[in-house]
Amino acid sequence: MNNSILTNPDLIKYWNVTRGGNKTVLTESDVYQLNVVVKCLDVIPNSTTAPIYITDSWTDLTANGIDYKSAPDFIDDSFSTTTEKNSISNNGTSFKISNVEQPYISLLSQGLLNNAKVNIYLTILNPANGNVISHDRMFSGYINNFESTFSNTTGSVKNETTLNLNSIWKKLDRSQPVLSSTSIHQSTHKGDQFFDLIGIINSTQQWKN
């Protein structure tokens, strides 16, 4: 968590007022205990279906110029724990949403959200005015599949949907293509030195991100 959050004066003031303390710096645990941490979700379909922006905040909010609608309830303990690494992680994730609105269920059922890109953000709100203090992306990937559960027992209605996501690096999950060797290629195409020359060409390439 960014150090500017742990030293944010509004968060520190709110902690001291509600907890009766006199802190000058918060810990990550302190911030979570303030109930100001919410999740925001971007769902961007490949089709002509409009993007969906939702949050489990108690009210609608705007972050990075995007308006997020307060809609479903994200089940916090269904989210995988994420850690920051300096290497590529090709692991997917999954999470549950309860009380999903019917229009979203319909989009999923019709396949309109298949392979839709999903961004998950951890967002911290100012307890004084509800403004966004921090909006950090925690995961990017694509919808792989979903499972919805509905039940109505003794007047208690249960509506939960589990979304399974592939990592944004899903395209790396490919086996090595089968290539013909130089000798086989040249036996079919006499004098063709493509495979001999391609190594020279590739050696001059400069890869940048």
N, C-alpha and C. Protein backbone atom coordinates (compact mmCIF):
# COMPACT_ATOMS: atom_id res chain seq x y z
N MET A 1 0.85 -1.19 0.00
CA MET A 1 0.00 0.00 0.00
C MET A 1 0.88 1.24 0.00
N ASN A 2 0.52 2.22 -0.82
CA ASN A 2 1.32 3.43 -0.97
C ASN A 2 1.47 4.16 0.36
N ASN A 3 2.67 4.66 0.63
CA ASN A 3 2.94 5.34 1.90
C ASN A 3 2.09 6.60 2.06
N SER A 4 1.71 7.23 0.93
CA SER A 4 0.89 8.43 1.02
C SER A 4 -0.49 8.13 1.61
N ILE A 5 -0.94 6.89 1.47
CA ILE A 5 -2.22 6.50 2.07
C ILE A 5 -2.08 6.36 3.58
N LEU A 6 -0.98 5.76 4.00
CA LEU A 6 -0.76 5.53 5.43
C LEU A 6 -0.54 6.83 6.19
N THR A 7 -0.17 7.88 5.47
CA THR A 7 0.04 9.18 6.12
C THR A 7 -1.02 10.20 5.72
N ASN A 8 -2.09 9.74 5.07
CA ASN A 8 -3.15 10.66 4.64
C ASN A 8 -3.79 11.31 5.86
N PRO A 9 -3.83 12.63 5.93
CA PRO A 9 -4.34 13.31 7.14
C PRO A 9 -5.81 13.03 7.42
N ASP A 10 -6.62 12.88 6.38
CA ASP A 10 -8.05 12.61 6.60
C ASP A 10 -8.26 11.21 7.18
N LEU A 11 -7.51 10.24 6.68
CA LEU A 11 -7.62 8.89 7.22
C LEU A 11 -7.12 8.82 8.65
N ILE A 12 -6.01 9.50 8.92
CA ILE A 12 -5.46 9.51 10.28
C ILE A 12 -6.44 10.18 11.25
N LYS A 13 -7.01 11.30 10.82
CA LYS A 13 -7.97 12.01 11.67
C LYS A 13 -9.18 11.14 11.96
N TYR A 14 -9.67 10.45 10.93
CA TYR A 14 -10.84 9.58 11.10
C TYR A 14 -10.53 8.43 12.05
N TRP A 15 -9.32 7.88 11.93
CA TRP A 15 -8.93 6.81 12.84
C TRP A 15 -8.90 7.30 14.28
N ASN A 16 -8.26 8.44 14.51
CA ASN A 16 -8.13 8.95 15.88
C ASN A 16 -9.48 9.32 16.48
N VAL A 17 -10.40 9.84 15.65
CA VAL A 17 -11.72 10.22 16.15
C VAL A 17 -12.54 8.98 16.50
N THR A 18 -12.51 7.99 15.64
CA THR A 18 -13.35 6.80 15.86
C THR A 18 -12.72 5.80 16.81
N ARG A 19 -11.39 5.81 16.95
CA ARG A 19 -10.72 4.84 17.81
C ARG A 19 -10.17 5.47 19.10
N GLY A 20 -10.23 6.79 19.18
CA GLY A 20 -9.74 7.45 20.38
C GLY A 20 -8.23 7.40 20.53
N GLY A 21 -7.54 7.33 19.41
CA GLY A 21 -6.09 7.24 19.45
C GLY A 21 -5.43 8.57 19.13
N ASN A 22 -4.12 8.52 18.96
CA ASN A 22 -3.36 9.72 18.62
C ASN A 22 -2.25 9.34 17.63
N LYS A 23 -2.64 8.61 16.61
CA LYS A 23 -1.66 8.13 15.64
C LYS A 23 -1.26 9.23 14.66
N THR A 24 -0.05 9.10 14.15
CA THR A 24 0.42 10.00 13.10
C THR A 24 0.68 9.24 11.80
N VAL A 25 0.79 7.92 11.90
CA VAL A 25 0.97 7.05 10.73
C VAL A 25 0.12 5.80 10.94
N LEU A 26 -0.58 5.39 9.89
CA LEU A 26 -1.42 4.20 9.96
C LEU A 26 -0.69 2.99 9.40
N THR A 27 -1.15 1.83 9.78
CA THR A 27 -0.69 0.59 9.16
C THR A 27 -1.72 0.16 8.12
N GLU A 28 -1.37 -0.80 7.29
CA GLU A 28 -2.33 -1.30 6.31
C GLU A 28 -3.56 -1.88 7.00
N SER A 29 -3.34 -2.57 8.11
CA SER A 29 -4.45 -3.14 8.87
C SER A 29 -5.38 -2.04 9.37
N ASP A 30 -4.80 -0.92 9.79
CA ASP A 30 -5.62 0.22 10.26
C ASP A 30 -6.53 0.72 9.15
N VAL A 31 -5.99 0.85 7.95
CA VAL A 31 -6.76 1.37 6.82
C VAL A 31 -7.94 0.45 6.52
N TYR A 32 -7.70 -0.86 6.53
CA TYR A 32 -8.79 -1.80 6.25
C TYR A 32 -9.86 -1.75 7.33
N GLN A 33 -9.47 -1.50 8.56
CA GLN A 33 -10.43 -1.44 9.65
C GLN A 33 -11.33 -0.21 9.58
N LEU A 34 -10.95 0.78 8.80
CA LEU A 34 -11.75 2.00 8.68
C LEU A 34 -12.96 1.82 7.77
N ASN A 35 -13.04 0.67 7.09
CA ASN A 35 -14.16 0.40 6.17
C ASN A 35 -14.26 1.44 5.05
N VAL A 36 -13.11 1.85 4.55
CA VAL A 36 -13.08 2.81 3.44
C VAL A 36 -12.50 2.17 2.18
N VAL A 37 -12.20 0.87 2.24
CA VAL A 37 -11.61 0.17 1.10
C VAL A 37 -12.72 -0.57 0.34
N VAL A 38 -12.85 -0.27 -0.95
CA VAL A 38 -13.86 -0.92 -1.79
C VAL A 38 -13.18 -1.47 -3.04
N LYS A 39 -13.93 -2.25 -3.80
CA LYS A 39 -13.42 -2.80 -5.06
C LYS A 39 -14.21 -2.23 -6.22
N CYS A 40 -13.50 -1.95 -7.31
CA CYS A 40 -14.13 -1.48 -8.55
C CYS A 40 -13.82 -2.49 -9.65
N LEU A 41 -14.78 -2.67 -10.53
CA LEU A 41 -14.66 -3.70 -11.56
C LEU A 41 -14.97 -3.12 -12.93
N ASP A 42 -14.02 -3.27 -13.87
CA ASP A 42 -14.27 -2.95 -15.28
C ASP A 42 -14.54 -4.25 -16.02
N VAL A 43 -15.64 -4.31 -16.74
CA VAL A 43 -15.93 -5.45 -17.61
C VAL A 43 -16.10 -4.90 -19.02
N ILE A 44 -15.13 -5.18 -19.90
CA ILE A 44 -15.09 -4.59 -21.24
C ILE A 44 -15.25 -5.70 -22.26
N PRO A 45 -16.45 -5.88 -22.82
CA PRO A 45 -16.71 -6.97 -23.77
C PRO A 45 -16.01 -6.75 -25.11
N ASN A 46 -15.82 -7.86 -25.84
CA ASN A 46 -15.27 -7.78 -27.19
C ASN A 46 -16.32 -7.37 -28.20
N SER A 47 -17.59 -7.59 -27.85
CA SER A 47 -18.69 -7.32 -28.77
C SER A 47 -19.11 -5.86 -28.68
N THR A 48 -20.25 -5.55 -29.28
CA THR A 48 -20.78 -4.19 -29.25
C THR A 48 -21.47 -3.88 -27.93
N THR A 49 -21.50 -4.85 -27.02
CA THR A 49 -22.10 -4.63 -25.70
C THR A 49 -21.32 -3.54 -24.96
N ALA A 50 -22.05 -2.64 -24.33
CA ALA A 50 -21.42 -1.52 -23.63
C ALA A 50 -20.62 -2.02 -22.43
N PRO A 51 -19.49 -1.38 -22.12
CA PRO A 51 -18.71 -1.76 -20.95
C PRO A 51 -19.53 -1.61 -19.67
N ILE A 52 -19.19 -2.41 -18.68
CA ILE A 52 -19.86 -2.38 -17.38
C ILE A 52 -18.85 -1.93 -16.33
N TYR A 53 -19.23 -0.93 -15.55
CA TYR A 53 -18.37 -0.44 -14.49
C TYR A 53 -19.16 -0.48 -13.18
N ILE A 54 -18.76 -1.36 -12.26
CA ILE A 54 -19.50 -1.52 -11.02
C ILE A 54 -18.55 -1.50 -9.83
N THR A 55 -19.10 -1.24 -8.65
CA THR A 55 -18.33 -1.17 -7.42
C THR A 55 -19.17 -1.68 -6.27
N ASP A 56 -18.50 -2.19 -5.24
CA ASP A 56 -19.24 -2.61 -4.04
C ASP A 56 -19.27 -1.49 -3.01
N SER A 57 -18.96 -0.28 -3.45
CA SER A 57 -19.08 0.89 -2.58
C SER A 57 -20.54 1.11 -2.20
N TRP A 58 -20.76 1.81 -1.09
CA TRP A 58 -22.13 2.09 -0.64
C TRP A 58 -22.83 3.12 -1.52
N THR A 59 -22.07 3.75 -2.40
CA THR A 59 -22.66 4.74 -3.31
C THR A 59 -21.88 4.75 -4.62
N ASP A 60 -22.46 5.32 -5.66
CA ASP A 60 -21.74 5.46 -6.93
C ASP A 60 -20.50 6.31 -6.72
N LEU A 61 -19.47 6.06 -7.50
CA LEU A 61 -18.25 6.86 -7.38
C LEU A 61 -17.59 7.03 -8.74
N THR A 62 -16.69 7.99 -8.82
CA THR A 62 -15.94 8.27 -10.04
C THR A 62 -14.45 8.12 -9.76
N ALA A 63 -13.77 7.33 -10.59
CA ALA A 63 -12.33 7.14 -10.45
C ALA A 63 -11.69 7.12 -11.83
N ASN A 64 -10.63 7.90 -12.00
CA ASN A 64 -9.94 8.00 -13.29
C ASN A 64 -10.89 8.37 -14.42
N GLY A 65 -11.88 9.20 -14.10
CA GLY A 65 -12.83 9.66 -15.11
C GLY A 65 -13.91 8.66 -15.46
N ILE A 66 -13.96 7.53 -14.78
CA ILE A 66 -14.97 6.50 -15.05
C ILE A 66 -15.99 6.48 -13.91
N ASP A 67 -17.26 6.45 -14.27
CA ASP A 67 -18.34 6.39 -13.28
C ASP A 67 -18.66 4.93 -12.97
N TYR A 68 -18.51 4.56 -11.71
CA TYR A 68 -18.80 3.20 -11.26
C TYR A 68 -20.14 3.18 -10.54
N LYS A 69 -20.98 2.23 -10.95
CA LYS A 69 -22.30 2.09 -10.36
C LYS A 69 -22.25 1.16 -9.16
N SER A 70 -22.83 1.61 -8.07
CA SER A 70 -22.94 0.76 -6.89
C SER A 70 -24.03 -0.27 -7.16
N ALA A 71 -23.62 -1.53 -7.34
CA ALA A 71 -24.60 -2.54 -7.76
C ALA A 71 -24.52 -3.81 -6.93
N PRO A 72 -23.66 -4.75 -7.28
CA PRO A 72 -23.69 -6.03 -6.57
C PRO A 72 -22.83 -6.01 -5.32
N ASP A 73 -22.86 -7.10 -4.62
CA ASP A 73 -22.02 -7.28 -3.43
C ASP A 73 -20.92 -8.26 -3.77
N PHE A 74 -19.67 -7.83 -3.64
CA PHE A 74 -18.55 -8.73 -3.85
C PHE A 74 -18.30 -9.48 -2.54
N ILE A 75 -18.20 -10.79 -2.61
CA ILE A 75 -17.92 -11.58 -1.42
C ILE A 75 -16.42 -11.57 -1.19
N ASP A 76 -15.99 -10.80 -0.18
CA ASP A 76 -14.57 -10.52 -0.01
C ASP A 76 -13.71 -11.76 0.13
N ASP A 77 -14.18 -12.75 0.91
CA ASP A 77 -13.33 -13.91 1.13
C ASP A 77 -13.24 -14.84 -0.07
N SER A 78 -13.94 -14.47 -1.17
CA SER A 78 -13.84 -15.28 -2.39
C SER A 78 -12.70 -14.82 -3.29
N PHE A 79 -12.13 -13.65 -2.99
CA PHE A 79 -11.03 -13.12 -3.79
C PHE A 79 -9.71 -13.78 -3.39
N SER A 80 -8.92 -14.11 -4.38
CA SER A 80 -7.60 -14.67 -4.10
C SER A 80 -6.68 -13.59 -3.56
N THR A 81 -5.75 -14.01 -2.72
CA THR A 81 -4.75 -13.08 -2.21
C THR A 81 -3.76 -12.74 -3.31
N THR A 82 -3.47 -11.46 -3.48
CA THR A 82 -2.53 -11.04 -4.51
C THR A 82 -1.25 -10.51 -3.87
N THR A 83 -0.13 -10.78 -4.50
CA THR A 83 1.15 -10.27 -4.05
C THR A 83 1.86 -9.58 -5.20
N GLU A 84 2.61 -8.56 -4.88
CA GLU A 84 3.33 -7.80 -5.91
C GLU A 84 4.63 -8.52 -6.24
N LYS A 85 4.88 -8.74 -7.53
CA LYS A 85 6.09 -9.42 -7.98
C LYS A 85 6.73 -8.64 -9.11
N ASN A 86 8.01 -8.91 -9.33
CA ASN A 86 8.71 -8.27 -10.44
C ASN A 86 8.84 -9.22 -11.62
N SER A 87 8.03 -10.27 -11.65
CA SER A 87 8.03 -11.22 -12.76
C SER A 87 6.60 -11.44 -13.23
N ILE A 88 6.47 -11.98 -14.44
CA ILE A 88 5.15 -12.22 -15.01
C ILE A 88 4.46 -13.37 -14.28
N SER A 89 3.22 -13.14 -13.86
CA SER A 89 2.40 -14.20 -13.26
C SER A 89 1.27 -14.53 -14.22
N ASN A 90 1.19 -15.80 -14.58
CA ASN A 90 0.19 -16.23 -15.55
C ASN A 90 -1.00 -16.90 -14.86
N ASN A 91 -1.17 -16.64 -13.56
CA ASN A 91 -2.24 -17.26 -12.80
C ASN A 91 -3.54 -16.48 -12.96
N GLY A 92 -4.65 -17.20 -13.11
CA GLY A 92 -5.95 -16.57 -13.15
C GLY A 92 -6.49 -16.37 -11.75
N THR A 93 -7.75 -16.00 -11.64
CA THR A 93 -8.38 -15.82 -10.34
C THR A 93 -9.88 -16.02 -10.49
N SER A 94 -10.57 -16.03 -9.38
CA SER A 94 -12.02 -16.14 -9.40
C SER A 94 -12.58 -15.42 -8.19
N PHE A 95 -13.83 -15.03 -8.27
CA PHE A 95 -14.48 -14.39 -7.13
C PHE A 95 -15.99 -14.52 -7.28
N LYS A 96 -16.70 -14.29 -6.18
CA LYS A 96 -18.15 -14.42 -6.17
C LYS A 96 -18.81 -13.05 -6.00
N ILE A 97 -19.96 -12.91 -6.64
CA ILE A 97 -20.79 -11.72 -6.50
C ILE A 97 -22.18 -12.17 -6.10
N SER A 98 -22.73 -11.56 -5.06
CA SER A 98 -24.09 -11.90 -4.65
C SER A 98 -25.05 -10.80 -5.10
N ASN A 99 -26.32 -11.16 -5.17
CA ASN A 99 -27.38 -10.21 -5.55
C ASN A 99 -27.12 -9.58 -6.92
N VAL A 100 -26.72 -10.41 -7.87
CA VAL A 100 -26.43 -9.92 -9.22
C VAL A 100 -27.74 -9.54 -9.92
N GLU A 101 -27.76 -8.37 -10.52
CA GLU A 101 -28.97 -7.92 -11.20
C GLU A 101 -29.24 -8.75 -12.45
N GLN A 102 -30.52 -8.90 -12.79
CA GLN A 102 -30.94 -9.74 -13.90
C GLN A 102 -30.30 -9.36 -15.23
N PRO A 103 -30.15 -8.06 -15.56
CA PRO A 103 -29.52 -7.71 -16.85
C PRO A 103 -28.11 -8.29 -16.99
N TYR A 104 -27.35 -8.33 -15.90
CA TYR A 104 -25.99 -8.87 -15.96
C TYR A 104 -26.02 -10.39 -16.14
N ILE A 105 -26.98 -11.06 -15.46
CA ILE A 105 -27.13 -12.50 -15.62
C ILE A 105 -27.47 -12.83 -17.08
N SER A 106 -28.32 -12.02 -17.68
CA SER A 106 -28.72 -12.25 -19.08
C SER A 106 -27.53 -12.11 -20.01
N LEU A 107 -26.69 -11.10 -19.79
CA LEU A 107 -25.51 -10.91 -20.63
C LEU A 107 -24.57 -12.12 -20.55
N LEU A 108 -24.38 -12.62 -19.33
CA LEU A 108 -23.52 -13.79 -19.15
C LEU A 108 -24.12 -15.01 -19.82
N SER A 109 -25.42 -15.21 -19.63
CA SER A 109 -26.09 -16.40 -20.17
C SER A 109 -26.07 -16.42 -21.70
N GLN A 110 -26.15 -15.24 -22.31
CA GLN A 110 -26.17 -15.15 -23.77
C GLN A 110 -24.76 -15.20 -24.37
N GLY A 111 -23.75 -15.27 -23.53
CA GLY A 111 -22.38 -15.33 -24.03
C GLY A 111 -21.82 -14.00 -24.47
N LEU A 112 -22.51 -12.91 -24.14
CA LEU A 112 -22.06 -11.59 -24.60
C LEU A 112 -20.86 -11.08 -23.81
N LEU A 113 -20.55 -11.75 -22.70
CA LEU A 113 -19.39 -11.34 -21.90
C LEU A 113 -18.26 -12.37 -21.97
N ASN A 114 -18.38 -13.33 -22.88
CA ASN A 114 -17.30 -14.30 -23.05
C ASN A 114 -16.01 -13.61 -23.47
N ASN A 115 -14.93 -13.92 -22.77
CA ASN A 115 -13.60 -13.33 -23.06
C ASN A 115 -13.57 -11.82 -22.89
N ALA A 116 -14.54 -11.28 -22.16
CA ALA A 116 -14.51 -9.84 -21.87
C ALA A 116 -13.32 -9.54 -20.97
N LYS A 117 -12.68 -8.40 -21.21
CA LYS A 117 -11.56 -8.01 -20.37
C LYS A 117 -12.08 -7.52 -19.02
N VAL A 118 -11.39 -7.90 -17.95
CA VAL A 118 -11.80 -7.52 -16.60
C VAL A 118 -10.62 -6.89 -15.87
N ASN A 119 -10.85 -5.72 -15.30
CA ASN A 119 -9.86 -5.08 -14.44
C ASN A 119 -10.46 -4.99 -13.04
N ILE A 120 -9.68 -5.38 -12.04
CA ILE A 120 -10.12 -5.28 -10.65
C ILE A 120 -9.25 -4.24 -9.95
N TYR A 121 -9.90 -3.26 -9.35
CA TYR A 121 -9.19 -2.18 -8.66
C TYR A 121 -9.49 -2.21 -7.17
N LEU A 122 -8.50 -1.88 -6.38
CA LEU A 122 -8.68 -1.66 -4.95
C LEU A 122 -8.72 -0.14 -4.76
N THR A 123 -9.85 0.34 -4.27
CA THR A 123 -10.09 1.78 -4.19
C THR A 123 -10.29 2.20 -2.75
N ILE A 124 -9.64 3.28 -2.36
CA ILE A 124 -9.75 3.80 -1.00
C ILE A 124 -10.46 5.14 -1.04
N LEU A 125 -11.49 5.28 -0.22
CA LEU A 125 -12.32 6.48 -0.22
C LEU A 125 -12.01 7.36 0.99
N ASN A 126 -12.22 8.65 0.81
CA ASN A 126 -12.07 9.60 1.90
C ASN A 126 -13.32 9.53 2.78
N PRO A 127 -13.19 9.21 4.06
CA PRO A 127 -14.37 9.07 4.92
C PRO A 127 -15.10 10.38 5.16
N ALA A 128 -14.43 11.50 4.90
CA ALA A 128 -15.05 12.80 5.14
C ALA A 128 -16.02 13.20 4.04
N ASN A 129 -15.67 12.88 2.78
CA ASN A 129 -16.50 13.34 1.66
C ASN A 129 -16.79 12.26 0.61
N GLY A 130 -16.23 11.08 0.77
CA GLY A 130 -16.48 9.99 -0.18
C GLY A 130 -15.65 10.07 -1.44
N ASN A 131 -14.76 11.05 -1.55
CA ASN A 131 -13.91 11.15 -2.74
C ASN A 131 -12.86 10.03 -2.76
N VAL A 132 -12.38 9.74 -3.96
CA VAL A 132 -11.39 8.67 -4.13
C VAL A 132 -10.00 9.17 -3.74
N ILE A 133 -9.36 8.48 -2.82
CA ILE A 133 -7.99 8.80 -2.43
C ILE A 133 -6.99 8.00 -3.27
N SER A 134 -7.31 6.74 -3.48
CA SER A 134 -6.41 5.85 -4.22
C SER A 134 -7.23 4.87 -5.04
N HIS A 135 -6.71 4.53 -6.24
CA HIS A 135 -7.43 3.64 -7.15
C HIS A 135 -6.38 2.81 -7.88
N ASP A 136 -6.02 1.66 -7.29
CA ASP A 136 -4.92 0.85 -7.81
C ASP A 136 -5.43 -0.45 -8.42
N ARG A 137 -4.94 -0.75 -9.62
CA ARG A 137 -5.35 -1.99 -10.29
C ARG A 137 -4.63 -3.17 -9.66
N MET A 138 -5.43 -4.18 -9.29
CA MET A 138 -4.89 -5.36 -8.63
C MET A 138 -4.79 -6.57 -9.56
N PHE A 139 -5.63 -6.58 -10.61
CA PHE A 139 -5.65 -7.74 -11.50
C PHE A 139 -6.25 -7.34 -12.84
N SER A 140 -5.71 -7.90 -13.91
CA SER A 140 -6.29 -7.76 -15.25
C SER A 140 -6.36 -9.14 -15.89
N GLY A 141 -7.48 -9.42 -16.54
CA GLY A 141 -7.63 -10.71 -17.18
C GLY A 141 -8.86 -10.75 -18.06
N TYR A 142 -9.31 -11.95 -18.36
CA TYR A 142 -10.46 -12.15 -19.24
C TYR A 142 -11.41 -13.18 -18.63
N ILE A 143 -12.71 -12.99 -18.85
CA ILE A 143 -13.69 -13.94 -18.35
C ILE A 143 -13.54 -15.27 -19.07
N ASN A 144 -13.33 -16.32 -18.31
CA ASN A 144 -13.22 -17.66 -18.87
C ASN A 144 -14.57 -18.37 -18.84
N ASN A 145 -15.20 -18.40 -17.67
CA ASN A 145 -16.53 -18.98 -17.53
C ASN A 145 -17.16 -18.47 -16.24
N PHE A 146 -18.41 -18.84 -16.02
CA PHE A 146 -19.10 -18.41 -14.81
C PHE A 146 -20.04 -19.50 -14.34
N GLU A 147 -20.46 -19.38 -13.09
CA GLU A 147 -21.43 -20.32 -12.52
C GLU A 147 -22.36 -19.54 -11.60
N SER A 148 -23.65 -19.67 -11.82
CA SER A 148 -24.65 -18.97 -11.01
C SER A 148 -25.42 -19.96 -10.16
N THR A 149 -25.70 -19.56 -8.93
CA THR A 149 -26.46 -20.39 -7.99
C THR A 149 -27.67 -19.62 -7.50
N PHE A 150 -28.83 -20.24 -7.62
CA PHE A 150 -30.07 -19.61 -7.17
C PHE A 150 -30.79 -20.59 -6.24
N SER A 151 -31.31 -20.08 -5.13
CA SER A 151 -32.10 -20.92 -4.23
C SER A 151 -33.09 -20.04 -3.48
N ASN A 152 -34.20 -20.66 -3.09
CA ASN A 152 -35.24 -19.95 -2.33
C ASN A 152 -35.80 -20.92 -1.29
N THR A 153 -35.22 -20.86 -0.11
CA THR A 153 -35.64 -21.77 0.96
C THR A 153 -36.18 -20.96 2.14
N THR A 154 -37.37 -21.31 2.55
CA THR A 154 -38.04 -20.66 3.69
C THR A 154 -37.96 -19.14 3.60
N GLY A 155 -38.21 -18.64 2.40
CA GLY A 155 -38.25 -17.20 2.21
C GLY A 155 -36.91 -16.54 2.06
N SER A 156 -35.82 -17.30 2.14
CA SER A 156 -34.48 -16.75 1.99
C SER A 156 -33.99 -17.00 0.57
N VAL A 157 -33.81 -15.93 -0.17
CA VAL A 157 -33.39 -16.04 -1.57
C VAL A 157 -31.87 -15.90 -1.67
N LYS A 158 -31.24 -16.84 -2.35
CA LYS A 158 -29.80 -16.80 -2.55
C LYS A 158 -29.50 -16.66 -4.03
N ASN A 159 -28.67 -15.68 -4.35
CA ASN A 159 -28.31 -15.39 -5.74
C ASN A 159 -26.83 -15.07 -5.78
N GLU A 160 -26.02 -16.04 -6.21
CA GLU A 160 -24.57 -15.85 -6.26
C GLU A 160 -24.03 -16.27 -7.62
N THR A 161 -23.08 -15.50 -8.12
CA THR A 161 -22.43 -15.82 -9.39
C THR A 161 -20.92 -15.84 -9.18
N THR A 162 -20.28 -16.92 -9.59
CA THR A 162 -18.82 -17.04 -9.52
C THR A 162 -18.24 -16.79 -10.89
N LEU A 163 -17.33 -15.83 -10.98
CA LEU A 163 -16.64 -15.53 -12.23
C LEU A 163 -15.23 -16.10 -12.17
N ASN A 164 -14.88 -16.89 -13.17
CA ASN A 164 -13.53 -17.43 -13.29
C ASN A 164 -12.79 -16.67 -14.39
N LEU A 165 -11.64 -16.13 -14.04
CA LEU A 165 -10.91 -15.26 -14.96
C LEU A 165 -9.57 -15.87 -15.35
N ASN A 166 -9.22 -15.72 -16.61
CA ASN A 166 -7.86 -16.01 -17.08
C ASN A 166 -7.00 -14.78 -16.85
N SER A 167 -5.71 -15.01 -16.66
CA SER A 167 -4.78 -13.89 -16.57
C SER A 167 -4.71 -13.15 -17.89
N ILE A 168 -4.30 -11.88 -17.84
CA ILE A 168 -4.11 -11.10 -19.07
C ILE A 168 -3.03 -11.73 -19.93
N TRP A 169 -2.19 -12.58 -19.33
CA TRP A 169 -1.12 -13.25 -20.06
C TRP A 169 -1.57 -14.59 -20.61
N LYS A 170 -2.89 -14.80 -20.73
CA LYS A 170 -3.40 -16.09 -21.18
C LYS A 170 -2.84 -16.49 -22.55
N LYS A 171 -2.48 -15.51 -23.37
CA LYS A 171 -1.97 -15.82 -24.71
C LYS A 171 -0.60 -16.48 -24.66
N LEU A 172 0.03 -16.47 -23.48
CA LEU A 172 1.31 -17.16 -23.35
C LEU A 172 1.13 -18.66 -23.17
N ASP A 173 -0.12 -19.08 -22.90
CA ASP A 173 -0.40 -20.50 -22.73
C ASP A 173 -0.51 -21.18 -24.09
N ARG A 174 0.60 -21.26 -24.79
CA ARG A 174 0.62 -21.88 -26.11
C ARG A 174 1.80 -22.83 -26.20
N SER A 175 1.60 -23.93 -26.85
CA SER A 175 2.69 -24.86 -27.07
C SER A 175 3.53 -24.38 -28.26
N GLN A 176 4.76 -24.86 -28.30
CA GLN A 176 5.67 -24.47 -29.37
C GLN A 176 5.13 -24.96 -30.72
N PRO A 177 4.95 -24.07 -31.69
CA PRO A 177 4.49 -24.51 -33.01
C PRO A 177 5.50 -25.47 -33.65
N VAL A 178 4.99 -26.37 -34.46
CA VAL A 178 5.85 -27.31 -35.16
C VAL A 178 6.43 -26.63 -36.39
N LEU A 179 7.76 -26.60 -36.48
CA LEU A 179 8.43 -25.96 -37.61
C LEU A 179 9.26 -27.01 -38.37
N SER A 180 9.29 -26.85 -39.65
CA SER A 180 10.15 -27.75 -40.43
C SER A 180 11.59 -27.30 -40.31
N SER A 181 12.50 -28.24 -40.33
CA SER A 181 13.91 -27.91 -40.23
C SER A 181 14.40 -27.31 -41.55
N THR A 182 15.59 -26.72 -41.50
CA THR A 182 16.17 -26.12 -42.69
C THR A 182 16.35 -27.15 -43.81
N SER A 183 16.82 -28.34 -43.43
CA SER A 183 17.10 -29.36 -44.45
C SER A 183 15.82 -29.81 -45.14
N ILE A 184 14.73 -30.00 -44.36
CA ILE A 184 13.46 -30.43 -44.96
C ILE A 184 12.91 -29.33 -45.86
N HIS A 185 13.00 -28.08 -45.39
CA HIS A 185 12.49 -26.96 -46.18
C HIS A 185 13.26 -26.84 -47.49
N GLN A 186 14.60 -26.94 -47.42
CA GLN A 186 15.41 -26.77 -48.62
C GLN A 186 15.29 -27.96 -49.57
N SER A 187 14.92 -29.13 -49.04
CA SER A 187 14.72 -30.27 -49.93
C SER A 187 13.48 -30.07 -50.79
N THR A 188 12.55 -29.27 -50.29
CA THR A 188 11.33 -28.97 -51.06
C THR A 188 11.52 -27.73 -51.92
N HIS A 189 12.26 -26.76 -51.38
CA HIS A 189 12.48 -25.49 -52.10
C HIS A 189 14.00 -25.31 -52.27
N LYS A 190 14.54 -25.83 -53.33
CA LYS A 190 15.97 -25.80 -53.58
C LYS A 190 16.52 -24.38 -53.57
N GLY A 191 17.60 -24.18 -52.83
CA GLY A 191 18.28 -22.89 -52.83
C GLY A 191 17.66 -21.85 -51.91
N ASP A 192 16.53 -22.16 -51.29
CA ASP A 192 15.88 -21.20 -50.39
C ASP A 192 16.62 -21.20 -49.05
N GLN A 193 17.16 -20.04 -48.69
CA GLN A 193 17.94 -19.94 -47.45
C GLN A 193 17.19 -19.15 -46.37
N PHE A 194 15.86 -19.25 -46.41
CA PHE A 194 15.04 -18.47 -45.47
C PHE A 194 15.45 -18.72 -44.02
N PHE A 195 15.54 -20.01 -43.64
CA PHE A 195 15.84 -20.33 -42.25
C PHE A 195 17.26 -19.93 -41.87
N ASP A 196 18.15 -19.90 -42.82
CA ASP A 196 19.52 -19.47 -42.53
C ASP A 196 19.58 -17.97 -42.31
N LEU A 197 18.78 -17.24 -43.08
CA LEU A 197 18.84 -15.78 -43.02
C LEU A 197 17.97 -15.20 -41.91
N ILE A 198 16.89 -15.90 -41.50
CA ILE A 198 15.98 -15.33 -40.51
C ILE A 198 16.67 -15.10 -39.18
N GLY A 199 17.66 -15.95 -38.85
CA GLY A 199 18.40 -15.76 -37.61
C GLY A 199 19.20 -14.47 -37.63
N ILE A 200 19.75 -14.14 -38.79
CA ILE A 200 20.52 -12.90 -38.93
C ILE A 200 19.60 -11.70 -38.78
N ILE A 201 18.41 -11.79 -39.38
CA ILE A 201 17.45 -10.68 -39.30
C ILE A 201 16.99 -10.48 -37.86
N ASN A 202 16.64 -11.59 -37.17
CA ASN A 202 16.16 -11.48 -35.80
C ASN A 202 17.22 -10.95 -34.85
N SER A 203 18.48 -11.21 -35.15
CA SER A 203 19.55 -10.77 -34.26
C SER A 203 19.69 -9.26 -34.24
N THR A 204 19.12 -8.59 -35.24
CA THR A 204 19.22 -7.13 -35.30
C THR A 204 17.99 -6.45 -34.70
N GLN A 205 16.99 -7.24 -34.28
CA GLN A 205 15.76 -6.66 -33.73
C GLN A 205 16.01 -6.14 -32.32
N GLN A 206 15.41 -5.01 -31.99
CA GLN A 206 15.47 -4.46 -30.65
C GLN A 206 14.06 -4.45 -30.07
N TRP A 207 13.87 -5.21 -28.99
CA TRP A 207 12.54 -5.32 -28.38
C TRP A 207 12.39 -4.28 -27.28
N LYS A 208 11.29 -3.55 -27.35
CA LYS A 208 11.02 -2.52 -26.35
C LYS A 208 9.59 -2.68 -25.85
N ASN A 209 9.35 -2.21 -24.62
CA ASN A 209 7.99 -2.25 -24.10
C ASN A 209 7.43 -0.84 -24.01
